[in-house]
Amino acid sequence: MLAAARVRALAMSTPLPATTETIAMSDPTIEEKIRVRAYELWQQDGCLEGCADEYWHMVSNELKLVRICH
């Protein structure tokens, strides 16, 4: 799946509470996980230029959903 399709799919999901985002971003290990996963997806999608923020937000939202579901 291309990055744009992933971003659109995540954008359609329900926004999460701000407290979840605050908690997720305060943990350096979470930030590193986001960085690594976003880079992996960026590479898989052909190293698209100018999409860093999209990948960061996409992975951040994925991790938030995982934390909520567990």
Protein backbone atom coordinates (compact mmCIF):
# COMPACT_ATOMS: atom_id res chain seq x y z
CA MET A 1 0.00 0.00 0.00
CA LEU A 2 1.36 3.42 -0.86
CA ALA A 3 2.02 6.01 1.81
CA ALA A 4 -0.73 8.30 0.58
CA ALA A 5 -3.29 5.52 0.90
CA ARG A 6 -2.06 4.72 4.42
CA VAL A 7 -2.26 8.38 5.41
CA ARG A 8 -5.80 8.67 4.01
CA ALA A 9 -6.88 5.52 5.86
CA LEU A 10 -5.53 6.85 9.14
CA ALA A 11 -7.03 10.28 8.55
CA MET A 12 -10.45 8.64 8.31
CA SER A 13 -10.06 7.12 11.78
CA THR A 14 -11.44 8.77 14.89
CA PRO A 15 -9.07 11.30 16.49
CA LEU A 16 -7.54 10.21 19.78
CA PRO A 17 -7.63 12.25 23.01
CA ALA A 18 -4.81 14.74 23.50
CA THR A 19 -3.72 12.99 26.70
CA THR A 20 -2.76 9.88 24.73
CA GLU A 21 -0.60 11.94 22.39
CA THR A 22 1.06 13.72 25.31
CA ILE A 23 1.89 10.42 26.99
CA ALA A 24 3.20 8.83 23.79
CA MET A 25 5.46 11.73 22.87
CA SER A 26 6.96 12.05 26.36
CA ASP A 27 8.54 8.59 26.20
CA PRO A 28 11.88 8.65 24.30
CA THR A 29 11.59 4.97 23.42
CA ILE A 30 8.25 5.61 21.72
CA GLU A 31 9.81 8.46 19.73
CA GLU A 32 12.62 6.15 18.60
CA LYS A 33 10.11 3.45 17.60
CA ILE A 34 8.21 6.02 15.54
CA ARG A 35 11.41 7.20 13.87
CA VAL A 36 12.53 3.68 12.95
CA ARG A 37 9.11 2.50 11.71
CA ALA A 38 8.50 5.69 9.72
CA TYR A 39 11.88 5.25 8.03
CA GLU A 40 11.06 1.61 7.18
CA LEU A 41 7.75 2.58 5.60
CA TRP A 42 9.37 5.46 3.74
CA GLN A 43 11.91 3.05 2.25
CA GLN A 44 9.21 0.50 1.34
CA ASP A 45 7.30 3.21 -0.50
CA GLY A 46 10.30 4.20 -2.63
CA CYS A 47 11.89 6.96 -0.52
CA LEU A 48 9.36 9.64 -1.42
CA GLU A 49 10.67 13.16 -0.93
CA GLY A 50 8.83 15.65 1.28
CA CYS A 51 6.72 13.08 3.14
CA ALA A 52 8.51 12.87 6.50
CA ASP A 53 5.65 14.41 8.49
CA GLU A 54 3.08 12.10 6.90
CA TYR A 55 5.08 9.01 7.85
CA TRP A 56 5.72 10.31 11.36
CA HIS A 57 2.02 10.99 12.00
CA MET A 58 0.95 7.71 10.41
CA VAL A 59 3.23 5.65 12.65
CA SER A 60 2.44 7.77 15.70
CA ASN A 61 -1.27 7.08 15.20
CA GLU A 62 -0.62 3.36 14.70
CA LEU A 63 1.28 3.17 17.98
CA LYS A 64 -1.44 5.10 19.81
CA LEU A 65 -4.03 2.63 18.57
CA VAL A 66 -1.89 -0.30 19.71
CA ARG A 67 -1.48 1.25 23.17
CA ILE A 68 -5.23 1.84 23.48
CA CYS A 69 -6.11 -1.67 22.37
CA HIS A 70 -3.73 -3.33 24.83
